[in-house]
């Protein structure tokens, strides 16, 4: 059984020969450049400067040598573009040089903050000197009394989520760039036996609250339902146009499409289930029905936090795979998730505690924790092994190695 077959078996709720392993097929299952540099040194791997394909998430693609070492089964479609784009040097907080895409535009303000600019030179995000990450700083509709009637494309490019990542540095509505997009992913598919995932974002909640500001938008849901639905429908229409174009081109080459919308925080969902069901669910369902009706791609949703209360509706709307399975959040215990939803959904993640065990435990703690999580979430299939969100710079490389080795040794059925 090769990697693609192994992933497909899991997606069909069948038991493969072993639990399939992911390390780096999504930003949330990847590792920060600083932590990855430590990992390479610990493994005695020399190489070129580390590339950061997803600059906002500060996530890397582990190199082939590491994928082979730990029998990784799924990769990001963006890998096929690494050699075709231009890179430039960038220094991170550890003082080392890394490579970032040349299309990333950064300026320094008078306070020494790094400012991230969109294609029109508008500042959408800032990073303090002592921070690892850029933070949202642009909310175009935040100071308006209500959601405007007219919403143009230019405004949609003024939010945090508008900064491109590979492969979305390409405009798939431009015929020449679309040809590069399709041919690159097609070539990757033909050369690998690994499953391929593609992050499409296609969020509606995240972009809406980035346009209005979180506080305003959460109030809009109650105080301005018509305006809220009008805004969501604009985002939905854009997403459906994008999905049609990309499925026409690469739907046959991709195994999992990854949607992103963080619907939960540590103690519960951002919006009550009844409001999700009333306003958001029909729109998500339109997107996910379109994918199912026009491809064989599985629908995966990345959502951090406590989303237990939303899972029944997410499943009904068409989600087949959930990531990152943040088991440290309320109601997200592995046993509870597996019992309630194991028959209906694939768990992609949940097997490496990046909040507690990985940064603060020792290798024995990591081994024990990893075994327990595989046993629970992987019982009778239904698990794609991965840690819970991006491995942060302070995680010891020994713990990363312990987690991946345990997955290989303990994941056989």
Protein backbone atom coordinates (compact mmCIF):
# COMPACT_ATOMS: atom_id res chain seq x y z
CA UNK A 1 0.00 0.00 0.00
CA UNK A 2 1.56 3.31 -1.03
CA UNK A 3 0.97 6.68 0.62
CA UNK A 4 -1.83 7.85 -1.66
CA UNK A 5 -3.67 4.53 -1.22
CA UNK A 6 -3.19 4.74 2.54
CA UNK A 7 -4.75 8.21 2.71
CA UNK A 8 -7.60 7.17 0.40
CA UNK A 9 -8.39 4.17 2.60
CA UNK A 10 -8.70 6.44 5.61
CA UNK A 11 -10.87 8.93 3.72
CA UNK A 12 -13.21 6.05 2.87
CA UNK A 13 -13.41 5.11 6.56
CA UNK A 14 -11.51 1.90 5.95
CA UNK A 15 -8.54 0.59 7.93
CA UNK A 16 -5.17 0.87 6.14
CA UNK A 17 -1.98 -1.04 6.97
CA UNK A 18 -0.89 1.74 9.33
CA UNK A 19 -1.92 5.21 10.41
CA UNK A 20 -0.91 7.63 7.63
CA UNK A 21 1.54 10.32 8.74
CA UNK A 22 1.63 14.02 7.95
CA UNK A 23 4.47 16.39 8.71
CA UNK A 24 4.19 19.64 6.80
CA UNK A 25 1.27 19.15 4.38
CA UNK A 26 -0.50 22.16 5.92
CA UNK A 27 0.75 25.21 7.85
CA UNK A 28 -1.04 23.82 10.88
CA UNK A 29 0.76 20.48 10.63
CA UNK A 30 4.13 22.00 9.82
CA UNK A 31 6.95 23.47 11.86
CA UNK A 32 8.31 26.99 12.29
CA UNK A 33 11.54 27.79 10.43
CA UNK A 34 13.46 28.30 13.69
CA UNK A 35 12.32 24.96 15.11
CA UNK A 36 13.00 23.29 11.76
CA UNK A 37 16.54 24.67 11.70
CA UNK A 38 17.13 23.07 15.11
CA UNK A 39 15.62 19.80 13.88
CA UNK A 40 17.88 19.67 10.83
CA UNK A 41 20.96 20.29 12.96
CA UNK A 42 19.92 17.60 15.45
CA UNK A 43 19.48 15.10 12.59
CA UNK A 44 22.82 16.12 11.09
CA UNK A 45 21.21 17.36 7.88
CA UNK A 46 23.01 20.10 5.98
CA UNK A 47 21.23 22.06 3.31
CA UNK A 48 20.53 25.39 1.68
CA UNK A 49 18.85 28.25 3.51
CA UNK A 50 15.40 27.21 4.73
CA UNK A 51 12.52 28.46 2.60
CA UNK A 52 9.30 29.83 4.12
CA UNK A 53 6.54 29.33 1.52
CA UNK A 54 3.75 30.51 3.84
CA UNK A 55 5.09 33.73 5.30
CA UNK A 56 2.11 34.70 7.48
CA UNK A 57 1.95 31.27 9.13
CA UNK A 58 5.75 30.98 9.37
CA UNK A 59 5.55 27.37 8.21
CA UNK A 60 8.00 25.38 6.08
CA UNK A 61 7.89 22.34 3.82
CA UNK A 62 10.14 19.66 5.40
CA UNK A 63 12.62 18.44 2.81
CA UNK A 64 12.38 15.09 1.04
CA UNK A 65 15.06 13.49 3.22
CA UNK A 66 12.94 14.07 6.33
CA UNK A 67 9.72 12.99 4.59
CA UNK A 68 11.43 9.71 3.68
CA UNK A 69 12.98 9.30 7.12
CA UNK A 70 9.59 9.41 8.84
CA UNK A 71 7.44 7.83 6.09
CA UNK A 72 5.28 10.91 5.55
CA UNK A 73 2.23 10.15 3.38
CA UNK A 74 0.81 13.51 2.31
CA UNK A 75 2.33 16.71 0.91
CA UNK A 76 1.21 20.22 0.02
CA UNK A 77 0.57 21.01 -3.64
CA UNK A 78 2.58 24.19 -3.15
CA UNK A 79 5.80 22.15 -3.20
CA UNK A 80 5.59 22.04 -6.97
CA UNK A 81 6.29 25.80 -7.17
CA UNK A 82 9.39 26.06 -4.97
CA UNK A 83 11.84 26.14 -7.90
CA UNK A 84 9.81 28.42 -10.14
CA UNK A 85 9.53 31.48 -7.91
CA UNK A 86 12.14 34.02 -6.82
CA UNK A 87 13.34 34.10 -3.22
CA UNK A 88 15.02 36.72 -1.06
CA UNK A 89 16.82 36.69 2.27
CA UNK A 90 15.00 37.48 5.50
CA UNK A 91 16.31 37.43 9.07
CA UNK A 92 14.17 35.91 11.82
CA UNK A 93 14.33 36.46 15.59
CA UNK A 94 17.05 33.82 16.06
CA UNK A 95 19.38 36.03 14.04
CA UNK A 96 19.64 33.55 11.18
CA UNK A 97 18.93 34.11 7.50
CA UNK A 98 16.02 32.36 5.80
CA UNK A 99 14.42 32.66 2.37
CA UNK A 100 10.98 34.16 1.75
CA UNK A 101 9.12 34.63 -1.55
CA UNK A 102 10.18 37.73 -3.45
CA UNK A 103 6.53 38.81 -3.77
CA UNK A 104 6.36 39.48 -0.02
CA UNK A 105 6.66 43.25 0.54
CA UNK A 106 8.00 44.52 3.88
CA UNK A 107 8.82 48.01 5.15
CA UNK A 108 10.04 49.23 8.56
CA UNK A 109 8.04 51.99 10.29
CA UNK A 110 9.39 54.72 12.58
CA UNK A 111 8.88 52.47 15.64
CA UNK A 112 10.93 49.66 14.17
CA UNK A 113 7.92 47.49 13.42
CA UNK A 114 7.94 45.43 10.23
CA UNK A 115 4.98 46.32 8.04
CA UNK A 116 3.55 43.82 5.56
CA UNK A 117 2.14 45.43 2.42
CA UNK A 118 -0.38 44.17 -0.12
CA UNK A 119 0.17 44.48 -3.87
CA UNK A 120 -1.07 48.09 -3.79
CA UNK A 121 1.36 49.10 -1.04
CA UNK A 122 -1.30 49.16 1.71
CA UNK A 123 -0.20 48.00 5.18
CA UNK A 124 -2.28 45.00 6.26
CA UNK A 125 -0.18 43.59 9.08
CA UNK A 126 2.64 44.51 11.48
CA UNK A 127 5.24 42.64 13.51
CA UNK A 128 6.93 43.98 16.61
CA UNK A 129 10.65 43.38 17.11
CA UNK A 130 10.01 40.90 19.90
CA UNK A 131 7.32 38.93 18.06
CA UNK A 132 7.60 35.85 15.86
CA UNK A 133 4.44 36.64 13.90
CA UNK A 134 2.73 39.46 12.04
CA UNK A 135 -0.49 40.71 13.59
CA UNK A 136 -3.61 42.00 11.92
CA UNK A 137 -3.78 45.81 11.75
CA UNK A 138 -6.25 46.60 8.95
CA UNK A 139 -10.02 46.41 9.33
CA UNK A 140 -11.44 48.45 6.42
CA UNK A 141 -15.02 48.61 7.72
CA UNK A 142 -14.21 48.84 11.43
CA UNK A 143 -15.11 52.51 11.87
CA UNK A 144 -18.32 52.37 9.84
CA UNK A 145 -21.65 52.29 11.67
CA UNK A 146 -22.81 49.36 9.58
CA UNK A 147 -21.74 47.04 6.79
CA UNK A 148 -21.68 49.01 3.52
CA UNK A 149 -24.03 48.12 0.69
CA UNK A 150 -21.28 48.16 -1.94
CA UNK A 151 -18.19 46.00 -1.40
CA UNK A 152 -15.53 46.11 -4.11
CA UNK A 153 -12.60 43.82 -4.83
CA UNK A 154 -10.02 46.39 -3.78
CA UNK A 155 -11.30 46.36 -0.19
CA UNK A 156 -11.02 42.57 -0.05
CA UNK A 157 -7.28 42.97 -0.71
CA UNK A 158 -6.84 45.25 2.32
CA UNK A 159 -7.15 42.56 4.99
CA UNK A 160 -4.67 40.23 6.67
CA UNK A 161 -5.77 37.19 4.68
CA UNK A 162 -5.07 38.87 1.35
CA UNK A 163 -1.29 38.32 1.61
CA UNK A 164 -0.56 35.49 -0.84
CA UNK A 165 1.16 32.21 -0.07
CA UNK A 166 2.37 29.59 -2.50
CA UNK A 167 0.65 28.64 -4.86
CA UNK A 168 -1.76 31.58 -4.58
CA UNK A 169 0.92 34.02 -5.71
CA UNK A 170 -0.47 33.04 -9.11
CA UNK A 171 -3.65 34.57 -10.49
CA UNK A 172 -5.62 31.55 -11.69
CA UNK A 173 -7.95 33.83 -13.67
CA UNK A 174 -5.02 34.86 -15.86
CA UNK A 175 -4.72 32.24 -18.61
CA UNK A 176 -0.91 32.05 -18.61
CA UNK A 177 -0.62 31.87 -14.83
CA UNK A 178 -3.42 29.33 -14.68
CA UNK A 179 -1.52 27.13 -17.13
CA UNK A 180 1.53 27.23 -14.84
CA UNK A 181 -0.70 26.49 -11.83
CA UNK A 182 -2.29 23.45 -13.46
CA UNK A 183 0.84 22.01 -15.06
CA UNK A 184 2.90 22.33 -11.88
CA UNK A 185 0.39 20.45 -9.72
CA UNK A 186 -0.19 17.90 -12.48
CA UNK A 187 3.54 17.22 -12.69
CA UNK A 188 3.80 16.83 -8.92
CA UNK A 189 0.90 14.36 -8.96
CA UNK A 190 2.54 12.28 -11.68
CA UNK A 191 5.92 12.15 -9.92
CA UNK A 192 4.86 11.24 -6.40
CA UNK A 193 3.03 8.34 -4.78
CA UNK A 194 2.07 10.58 -1.87
CA UNK A 195 -1.38 12.08 -1.41
CA UNK A 196 -1.66 15.77 -2.27
CA UNK A 197 -3.48 18.45 -0.32
CA UNK A 198 -4.23 21.97 -1.49
CA UNK A 199 -5.13 24.84 0.84
CA UNK A 200 -7.80 26.98 -0.83
CA UNK A 201 -8.73 29.08 2.24
CA UNK A 202 -12.22 30.05 0.92
CA UNK A 203 -13.10 31.35 4.37
CA UNK A 204 -16.11 33.49 5.07
CA UNK A 205 -16.11 34.01 8.84
CA UNK A 206 -12.41 35.01 9.07
CA UNK A 207 -12.58 37.47 6.18
CA UNK A 208 -15.84 38.99 7.41
CA UNK A 209 -14.45 39.72 10.87
CA UNK A 210 -11.21 40.99 9.32
CA UNK A 211 -13.22 43.48 7.27
CA UNK A 212 -15.40 44.64 10.16
CA UNK A 213 -13.22 43.89 13.18
CA UNK A 214 -14.08 40.94 15.42
CA UNK A 215 -16.21 42.86 17.95
CA UNK A 216 -18.23 44.65 15.27
CA UNK A 217 -18.88 41.54 13.25
CA UNK A 218 -19.99 39.46 16.23
CA UNK A 219 -22.50 42.24 16.96
CA UNK A 220 -23.51 42.48 13.30
CA UNK A 221 -24.62 38.85 13.39
CA UNK A 222 -27.33 39.88 15.88
CA UNK A 223 -27.97 43.52 15.00
CA UNK A 224 -27.62 43.56 11.23
CA UNK A 225 -28.54 40.17 9.82
CA UNK A 226 -29.26 41.51 6.33
CA UNK A 227 -25.93 43.31 6.17
CA UNK A 228 -24.13 40.25 7.51
CA UNK A 229 -25.71 37.98 4.92
CA UNK A 230 -24.97 40.48 2.16
CA UNK A 231 -21.28 40.53 3.15
CA UNK A 232 -21.10 36.74 3.42
CA UNK A 233 -22.73 36.34 0.02
CA UNK A 234 -20.06 38.55 -1.59
CA UNK A 235 -17.36 36.34 -0.04
CA UNK A 236 -19.25 33.17 -1.00
CA UNK A 237 -19.55 34.26 -4.64
CA UNK A 238 -15.80 34.92 -4.82
CA UNK A 239 -15.06 31.54 -3.27
CA UNK A 240 -17.33 29.67 -5.67
CA UNK A 241 -15.66 31.38 -8.66
CA UNK A 242 -12.28 30.33 -7.30
CA UNK A 243 -13.40 26.74 -6.63
CA UNK A 244 -14.85 26.33 -10.12
CA UNK A 245 -11.67 27.55 -11.76
CA UNK A 246 -9.29 25.43 -9.70
CA UNK A 247 -11.38 22.25 -9.83
CA UNK A 248 -11.60 22.55 -13.61
CA UNK A 249 -7.81 22.65 -13.64
CA UNK A 250 -6.48 20.46 -10.81
CA UNK A 251 -9.45 18.68 -9.24
CA UNK A 252 -8.26 15.32 -10.58
CA UNK A 253 -4.75 15.75 -9.12
CA UNK A 254 -5.64 16.70 -5.54
CA UNK A 255 -6.85 14.36 -2.80
CA UNK A 256 -7.87 16.85 -0.10
CA UNK A 257 -9.00 20.47 -0.41
CA UNK A 258 -8.29 22.42 2.75
CA UNK A 259 -10.71 25.18 3.75
CA UNK A 260 -9.73 27.49 6.61
CA UNK A 261 -12.05 29.26 9.04
CA UNK A 262 -11.21 29.42 12.74
CA UNK A 263 -14.64 29.10 14.34
CA UNK A 264 -13.61 28.43 17.92
CA UNK A 265 -11.57 29.86 20.76
CA UNK A 266 -10.30 28.00 23.83
CA UNK A 267 -13.63 27.77 25.64
CA UNK A 268 -16.19 27.43 22.88
CA UNK A 269 -17.25 28.53 19.40
CA UNK A 270 -17.18 32.20 18.42
CA UNK A 271 -20.83 31.97 17.43
CA UNK A 272 -23.60 29.87 19.01
CA UNK A 273 -24.65 26.76 17.06
CA UNK A 274 -28.09 28.23 16.29
CA UNK A 275 -26.51 31.30 14.64
CA UNK A 276 -24.05 29.16 12.74
CA UNK A 277 -26.93 27.00 11.57
CA UNK A 278 -29.06 29.97 10.54
CA UNK A 279 -26.51 32.21 8.81
CA UNK A 280 -23.29 30.35 8.03
CA UNK A 281 -24.15 26.71 7.45
CA UNK A 282 -26.13 27.19 4.19
CA UNK A 283 -23.22 29.10 2.68
CA UNK A 284 -20.59 26.58 3.69
CA UNK A 285 -22.83 23.85 2.32
CA UNK A 286 -22.95 25.55 -1.09
CA UNK A 287 -19.15 25.53 -1.28
CA UNK A 288 -18.73 21.98 -0.07
CA UNK A 289 -21.57 20.63 -2.22
CA UNK A 290 -19.87 22.23 -5.21
CA UNK A 291 -16.62 20.40 -4.41
CA UNK A 292 -18.40 17.08 -3.99
CA UNK A 293 -20.44 17.53 -7.15
CA UNK A 294 -17.47 18.50 -9.30
CA UNK A 295 -14.55 16.44 -8.02
CA UNK A 296 -13.45 13.48 -5.93
CA UNK A 297 -11.56 15.75 -3.52
CA UNK A 298 -12.26 15.33 0.17
CA UNK A 299 -13.30 18.47 2.04
CA UNK A 300 -11.14 19.34 5.04
CA UNK A 301 -11.77 22.24 7.41
CA UNK A 302 -9.02 23.81 9.48
CA UNK A 303 -10.56 25.31 12.59
CA UNK A 304 -8.73 25.89 15.84
CA UNK A 305 -10.36 25.95 19.24
CA UNK A 306 -13.45 24.39 20.74
CA UNK A 307 -15.81 23.49 17.88
CA UNK A 308 -17.46 20.42 19.42
CA UNK A 309 -20.88 22.11 19.42
CA UNK A 310 -20.55 22.99 15.72
CA UNK A 311 -19.33 19.61 14.48
CA UNK A 312 -22.78 18.06 13.83
CA UNK A 313 -23.69 20.95 11.53
CA UNK A 314 -20.24 21.06 9.91
CA UNK A 315 -20.55 17.36 9.09
CA UNK A 316 -24.07 17.84 7.70
CA UNK A 317 -22.78 20.73 5.58
CA UNK A 318 -20.16 18.47 4.01
CA UNK A 319 -16.94 18.47 6.05
CA UNK A 320 -15.21 15.09 5.88
CA UNK A 321 -11.92 15.90 7.59
CA UNK A 322 -11.25 18.17 10.57
CA UNK A 323 -7.92 19.74 11.49
CA UNK A 324 -6.02 20.48 13.74
CA UNK A 325 -8.18 18.74 16.42
CA UNK A 326 -7.19 21.04 19.28
CA UNK A 327 -7.69 18.61 22.15
CA UNK A 328 -6.65 21.17 24.78
CA UNK A 329 -9.78 23.24 24.10
CA UNK A 330 -13.05 22.72 25.97
CA UNK A 331 -15.04 19.62 24.96
CA UNK A 332 -12.34 18.55 22.50
CA UNK A 333 -10.97 15.58 24.45
CA UNK A 334 -9.88 12.77 22.08
CA UNK A 335 -12.13 10.17 23.71
CA UNK A 336 -15.17 12.42 23.44
CA UNK A 337 -14.51 13.35 19.82
CA UNK A 338 -13.92 9.76 18.76
CA UNK A 339 -17.05 8.49 20.50
CA UNK A 340 -19.36 11.20 19.15
CA UNK A 341 -18.01 11.75 15.65
CA UNK A 342 -15.60 8.94 14.78
CA UNK A 343 -18.12 7.31 12.43
CA UNK A 344 -18.65 10.48 10.43
CA UNK A 345 -15.39 12.39 10.23
CA UNK A 346 -11.65 11.91 9.79
CA UNK A 347 -9.38 13.40 12.43
CA UNK A 348 -6.30 15.03 10.90
CA UNK A 349 -4.12 16.02 13.82
CA UNK A 350 -4.69 15.82 17.56
CA UNK A 351 -1.58 13.67 18.14
CA UNK A 352 1.10 16.07 19.27
CA UNK A 353 0.23 18.53 22.03
CA UNK A 354 1.94 21.75 20.88
CA UNK A 355 0.58 23.74 23.83
CA UNK A 356 1.91 21.59 26.64
CA UNK A 357 3.74 18.30 26.03
CA UNK A 358 5.89 19.15 23.00
CA UNK A 359 7.33 22.43 24.35
CA UNK A 360 7.52 21.53 28.04
CA UNK A 361 7.71 17.72 28.30
CA UNK A 362 10.64 15.38 27.73
CA UNK A 363 10.97 12.69 25.07
CA UNK A 364 9.34 10.06 27.32
CA UNK A 365 6.38 12.35 27.93
CA UNK A 366 6.04 12.88 24.18
CA UNK A 367 6.24 9.16 23.44
CA UNK A 368 3.59 8.32 26.05
CA UNK A 369 1.25 11.12 24.94
CA UNK A 370 1.62 10.25 21.25
CA UNK A 371 0.85 6.57 21.86
CA UNK A 372 -2.27 7.40 23.84
CA UNK A 373 -3.60 9.75 21.17
CA UNK A 374 -2.96 7.30 18.32
CA UNK A 375 -4.71 4.56 20.28
CA UNK A 376 -7.81 6.70 20.86
CA UNK A 377 -8.17 8.64 17.62
CA UNK A 378 -6.83 5.89 15.38
CA UNK A 379 -8.98 3.03 16.66
CA UNK A 380 -10.56 1.25 13.68
CA UNK A 381 -9.09 3.86 11.33
CA UNK A 382 -10.21 7.45 10.87
CA UNK A 383 -6.91 9.18 11.70
CA UNK A 384 -4.28 11.07 9.72
CA UNK A 385 -1.46 11.49 12.20
CA UNK A 386 -0.26 15.03 12.82
CA UNK A 387 0.52 17.34 15.70
CA UNK A 388 -1.85 20.11 16.82
CA UNK A 389 -0.97 23.25 14.87
CA UNK A 390 2.42 24.64 13.88
CA UNK A 391 5.37 23.47 16.00
CA UNK A 392 6.70 26.63 17.63
CA UNK A 393 10.32 27.85 17.86
CA UNK A 394 10.75 26.78 21.50
CA UNK A 395 9.94 23.10 20.93
CA UNK A 396 13.10 20.96 21.44
CA UNK A 397 14.07 18.98 18.33
CA UNK A 398 14.37 15.84 20.46
CA UNK A 399 10.65 16.02 21.15
CA UNK A 400 9.78 16.40 17.47
CA UNK A 401 11.90 13.33 16.68
CA UNK A 402 10.28 11.36 19.52
CA UNK A 403 6.80 12.20 18.21
CA UNK A 404 7.56 11.16 14.63
CA UNK A 405 9.41 8.01 15.64
CA UNK A 406 6.55 6.96 17.89
CA UNK A 407 4.06 7.52 15.08
CA UNK A 408 6.08 5.17 12.87
CA UNK A 409 6.57 2.50 15.51
CA UNK A 410 3.13 2.54 17.09
CA UNK A 411 0.83 3.33 14.17
CA UNK A 412 0.59 -0.12 12.59
CA UNK A 413 -2.81 -1.87 12.57
